[in-house]
Amino acid sequence: MENEKSDLTLTNRNQLNVTGVKKIKSSEPEQIVLILSDAALVIGGSNLFVVAASIQTGEVAIGGLVKSLRYTGINQKRKFSFKNLFR
């Protein structure tokens, strides 16, 4: 489960379907951040909104104009370790 697959399907730049989502970290009209098993996916655009989400199945559908998709290498285990290190 550590390296669970994540798939992206972008249709006409206005419908994005993502699988393998663990959590929706934030949702704003200009940016949505999804937490995957080993990274965060930052979706940039305009008029973005969550159409449907099921964290049980890990599926999220996003509407609006998608302008960028960016992965950030946030490994939640490492982030947790750093928190414990500085306590």
N, C-alpha and C. Protein backbone atom coordinates (compact mmCIF):
# COMPACT_ATOMS: atom_id res chain seq x y z
N MET A 1 0.82 -1.19 0.00
CA MET A 1 0.00 0.00 0.00
C MET A 1 0.86 1.26 0.00
N GLU A 2 2.12 1.13 0.38
CA GLU A 2 3.04 2.26 0.41
C GLU A 2 3.21 2.89 -0.97
N ASN A 3 3.36 2.07 -2.02
CA ASN A 3 3.56 2.57 -3.38
C ASN A 3 2.30 2.37 -4.22
N GLU A 4 1.15 2.71 -3.66
CA GLU A 4 -0.11 2.57 -4.37
C GLU A 4 -0.09 3.43 -5.64
N LYS A 5 -0.63 2.87 -6.72
CA LYS A 5 -0.65 3.57 -7.99
C LYS A 5 -1.63 4.74 -7.96
N SER A 6 -1.29 5.74 -8.74
CA SER A 6 -2.16 6.89 -8.91
C SER A 6 -2.28 7.17 -10.40
N ASP A 7 -3.51 7.33 -10.87
CA ASP A 7 -3.74 7.62 -12.28
C ASP A 7 -4.41 8.97 -12.43
N LEU A 8 -4.05 9.67 -13.50
CA LEU A 8 -4.65 10.96 -13.83
C LEU A 8 -5.28 10.86 -15.21
N THR A 9 -6.49 11.40 -15.35
CA THR A 9 -7.14 11.49 -16.65
C THR A 9 -7.67 12.91 -16.79
N LEU A 10 -7.12 13.64 -17.76
CA LEU A 10 -7.52 15.02 -18.01
C LEU A 10 -8.26 15.07 -19.34
N THR A 11 -9.48 15.57 -19.32
CA THR A 11 -10.31 15.66 -20.51
C THR A 11 -10.60 17.13 -20.82
N ASN A 12 -10.15 17.58 -21.99
CA ASN A 12 -10.40 18.95 -22.47
C ASN A 12 -9.99 20.04 -21.47
N ARG A 13 -9.02 19.75 -20.64
CA ARG A 13 -8.49 20.68 -19.64
C ARG A 13 -9.54 21.17 -18.63
N ASN A 14 -10.73 20.56 -18.61
CA ASN A 14 -11.73 21.02 -17.65
C ASN A 14 -12.36 19.90 -16.83
N GLN A 15 -11.89 18.67 -17.00
CA GLN A 15 -12.36 17.57 -16.17
C GLN A 15 -11.15 16.68 -15.85
N LEU A 16 -10.77 16.64 -14.57
CA LEU A 16 -9.63 15.85 -14.13
C LEU A 16 -10.11 14.78 -13.17
N ASN A 17 -9.76 13.53 -13.45
CA ASN A 17 -10.06 12.42 -12.56
C ASN A 17 -8.74 11.87 -12.03
N VAL A 18 -8.66 11.69 -10.72
CA VAL A 18 -7.44 11.23 -10.07
C VAL A 18 -7.79 10.03 -9.19
N THR A 19 -6.97 8.98 -9.27
CA THR A 19 -7.13 7.84 -8.36
C THR A 19 -5.90 7.76 -7.47
N GLY A 20 -6.03 7.02 -6.38
CA GLY A 20 -4.91 6.86 -5.45
C GLY A 20 -4.79 8.02 -4.46
N VAL A 21 -5.87 8.76 -4.26
CA VAL A 21 -5.85 9.93 -3.37
C VAL A 21 -6.09 9.48 -1.93
N LYS A 22 -5.24 9.94 -1.03
CA LYS A 22 -5.39 9.65 0.40
C LYS A 22 -6.18 10.74 1.13
N LYS A 23 -6.01 11.99 0.66
CA LYS A 23 -6.62 13.12 1.38
C LYS A 23 -6.68 14.34 0.46
N ILE A 24 -7.71 15.15 0.61
CA ILE A 24 -7.76 16.45 -0.05
C ILE A 24 -7.24 17.46 0.98
N LYS A 25 -6.05 17.98 0.73
CA LYS A 25 -5.43 18.89 1.69
C LYS A 25 -6.06 20.27 1.63
N SER A 26 -6.31 20.79 0.43
CA SER A 26 -6.95 22.09 0.30
C SER A 26 -7.68 22.17 -1.03
N SER A 27 -8.71 23.00 -1.05
CA SER A 27 -9.50 23.19 -2.26
C SER A 27 -9.90 24.65 -2.36
N GLU A 28 -9.29 25.33 -3.31
CA GLU A 28 -9.59 26.74 -3.57
C GLU A 28 -9.80 26.91 -5.07
N PRO A 29 -10.45 27.96 -5.52
CA PRO A 29 -10.70 28.14 -6.95
C PRO A 29 -9.43 28.20 -7.81
N GLU A 30 -8.31 28.60 -7.23
CA GLU A 30 -7.06 28.73 -7.99
C GLU A 30 -6.13 27.53 -7.84
N GLN A 31 -6.36 26.71 -6.79
CA GLN A 31 -5.44 25.60 -6.51
C GLN A 31 -6.10 24.54 -5.65
N ILE A 32 -5.89 23.29 -6.01
CA ILE A 32 -6.34 22.16 -5.20
C ILE A 32 -5.12 21.29 -4.92
N VAL A 33 -4.96 20.86 -3.68
CA VAL A 33 -3.83 20.01 -3.30
C VAL A 33 -4.36 18.68 -2.81
N LEU A 34 -3.90 17.61 -3.48
CA LEU A 34 -4.28 16.26 -3.12
C LEU A 34 -3.06 15.52 -2.57
N ILE A 35 -3.27 14.76 -1.50
CA ILE A 35 -2.19 13.96 -0.93
C ILE A 35 -2.32 12.54 -1.47
N LEU A 36 -1.25 12.08 -2.10
CA LEU A 36 -1.19 10.72 -2.63
C LEU A 36 -0.35 9.88 -1.67
N SER A 37 -0.05 8.64 -2.00
CA SER A 37 0.68 7.78 -1.07
C SER A 37 2.11 8.24 -0.84
N ASP A 38 2.77 8.83 -1.85
CA ASP A 38 4.16 9.21 -1.67
C ASP A 38 4.47 10.64 -2.10
N ALA A 39 3.46 11.42 -2.44
CA ALA A 39 3.68 12.79 -2.90
C ALA A 39 2.38 13.58 -2.77
N ALA A 40 2.49 14.87 -3.00
CA ALA A 40 1.32 15.72 -3.09
C ALA A 40 1.17 16.15 -4.54
N LEU A 41 -0.06 16.24 -5.00
CA LEU A 41 -0.35 16.71 -6.35
C LEU A 41 -0.99 18.07 -6.23
N VAL A 42 -0.34 19.08 -6.80
CA VAL A 42 -0.85 20.45 -6.76
C VAL A 42 -1.45 20.75 -8.13
N ILE A 43 -2.74 21.04 -8.15
CA ILE A 43 -3.46 21.32 -9.39
C ILE A 43 -3.73 22.82 -9.42
N GLY A 44 -3.18 23.50 -10.42
CA GLY A 44 -3.38 24.93 -10.56
C GLY A 44 -4.34 25.22 -11.70
N GLY A 45 -5.09 26.31 -11.56
CA GLY A 45 -6.02 26.66 -12.62
C GLY A 45 -6.94 27.78 -12.20
N SER A 46 -8.11 27.82 -12.80
CA SER A 46 -9.11 28.82 -12.43
C SER A 46 -10.48 28.16 -12.35
N ASN A 47 -11.27 28.67 -11.43
CA ASN A 47 -12.61 28.13 -11.16
C ASN A 47 -12.59 26.64 -10.87
N LEU A 48 -11.57 26.18 -10.15
CA LEU A 48 -11.45 24.77 -9.80
C LEU A 48 -12.41 24.42 -8.67
N PHE A 49 -12.96 23.23 -8.74
CA PHE A 49 -13.84 22.75 -7.67
C PHE A 49 -13.86 21.22 -7.70
N VAL A 50 -14.15 20.63 -6.55
CA VAL A 50 -14.24 19.18 -6.43
C VAL A 50 -15.65 18.76 -6.82
N VAL A 51 -15.75 17.98 -7.89
CA VAL A 51 -17.04 17.51 -8.38
C VAL A 51 -17.52 16.34 -7.52
N ALA A 52 -16.62 15.40 -7.28
CA ALA A 52 -16.94 14.22 -6.49
C ALA A 52 -15.66 13.70 -5.84
N ALA A 53 -15.81 13.13 -4.65
CA ALA A 53 -14.65 12.57 -3.95
C ALA A 53 -15.07 11.38 -3.12
N SER A 54 -14.27 10.35 -3.17
CA SER A 54 -14.45 9.18 -2.32
C SER A 54 -13.08 8.78 -1.81
N ILE A 55 -12.80 9.13 -0.59
CA ILE A 55 -11.51 8.79 -0.01
C ILE A 55 -11.43 7.28 0.25
N GLN A 56 -12.58 6.62 0.44
CA GLN A 56 -12.59 5.17 0.63
C GLN A 56 -12.03 4.46 -0.61
N THR A 57 -12.39 4.93 -1.81
CA THR A 57 -11.89 4.33 -3.04
C THR A 57 -10.68 5.08 -3.58
N GLY A 58 -10.41 6.28 -3.04
CA GLY A 58 -9.26 7.06 -3.48
C GLY A 58 -9.48 7.80 -4.80
N GLU A 59 -10.75 8.01 -5.16
CA GLU A 59 -11.07 8.67 -6.43
C GLU A 59 -11.57 10.09 -6.19
N VAL A 60 -11.05 11.03 -6.98
CA VAL A 60 -11.47 12.43 -6.90
C VAL A 60 -11.67 12.94 -8.32
N ALA A 61 -12.79 13.66 -8.54
CA ALA A 61 -13.07 14.30 -9.83
C ALA A 61 -13.06 15.81 -9.60
N ILE A 62 -12.36 16.52 -10.48
CA ILE A 62 -12.20 17.97 -10.35
C ILE A 62 -12.68 18.63 -11.63
N GLY A 63 -13.43 19.74 -11.48
CA GLY A 63 -13.88 20.52 -12.61
C GLY A 63 -13.22 21.89 -12.60
N GLY A 64 -13.34 22.62 -13.68
CA GLY A 64 -12.72 23.93 -13.81
C GLY A 64 -11.60 23.87 -14.83
N LEU A 65 -10.97 25.00 -15.09
CA LEU A 65 -9.89 25.05 -16.08
C LEU A 65 -8.57 24.67 -15.43
N VAL A 66 -8.01 23.53 -15.83
CA VAL A 66 -6.74 23.04 -15.30
C VAL A 66 -5.60 23.64 -16.12
N LYS A 67 -4.73 24.38 -15.44
CA LYS A 67 -3.59 25.03 -16.11
C LYS A 67 -2.27 24.34 -15.80
N SER A 68 -2.17 23.69 -14.65
CA SER A 68 -0.91 23.04 -14.30
C SER A 68 -1.15 21.88 -13.35
N LEU A 69 -0.26 20.89 -13.45
CA LEU A 69 -0.23 19.75 -12.54
C LEU A 69 1.21 19.62 -12.07
N ARG A 70 1.40 19.58 -10.76
CA ARG A 70 2.77 19.53 -10.23
C ARG A 70 2.80 18.58 -9.04
N TYR A 71 3.77 17.68 -9.09
CA TYR A 71 3.99 16.78 -7.96
C TYR A 71 5.04 17.40 -7.05
N THR A 72 4.82 17.30 -5.76
CA THR A 72 5.84 17.69 -4.80
C THR A 72 6.24 16.42 -4.06
N GLY A 73 7.51 16.26 -3.82
CA GLY A 73 8.03 15.03 -3.22
C GLY A 73 7.84 14.97 -1.73
N ILE A 74 6.65 15.14 -1.27
CA ILE A 74 6.39 15.07 0.17
C ILE A 74 6.11 13.62 0.53
N ASN A 75 7.03 13.03 1.26
CA ASN A 75 6.81 11.68 1.77
C ASN A 75 6.33 11.85 3.19
N GLN A 76 5.10 11.41 3.48
CA GLN A 76 4.51 11.66 4.78
C GLN A 76 5.31 11.04 5.91
N LYS A 77 5.97 9.90 5.68
CA LYS A 77 6.79 9.30 6.74
C LYS A 77 7.95 10.23 7.10
N ARG A 78 8.63 10.77 6.10
CA ARG A 78 9.74 11.68 6.38
C ARG A 78 9.26 12.93 7.08
N LYS A 79 8.16 13.49 6.64
CA LYS A 79 7.61 14.68 7.26
C LYS A 79 7.33 14.41 8.74
N PHE A 80 6.76 13.24 9.03
CA PHE A 80 6.48 12.86 10.41
C PHE A 80 7.77 12.73 11.20
N SER A 81 8.81 12.17 10.60
CA SER A 81 10.09 12.00 11.28
C SER A 81 10.71 13.34 11.63
N PHE A 82 10.62 14.31 10.71
CA PHE A 82 11.16 15.63 11.00
C PHE A 82 10.42 16.30 12.16
N LYS A 83 9.12 16.11 12.23
CA LYS A 83 8.36 16.68 13.35
C LYS A 83 8.90 16.11 14.68
N ASN A 84 9.09 14.80 14.70
CA ASN A 84 9.58 14.18 15.93
C ASN A 84 11.00 14.61 16.25
N LEU A 85 11.80 14.87 15.23
CA LEU A 85 13.18 15.27 15.43
C LEU A 85 13.28 16.63 16.16
N PHE A 86 12.39 17.55 15.84
CA PHE A 86 12.47 18.90 16.40
C PHE A 86 11.61 19.12 17.64
N ARG A 87 11.08 18.07 18.19
CA ARG A 87 10.27 18.21 19.43
C ARG A 87 11.12 18.47 20.61
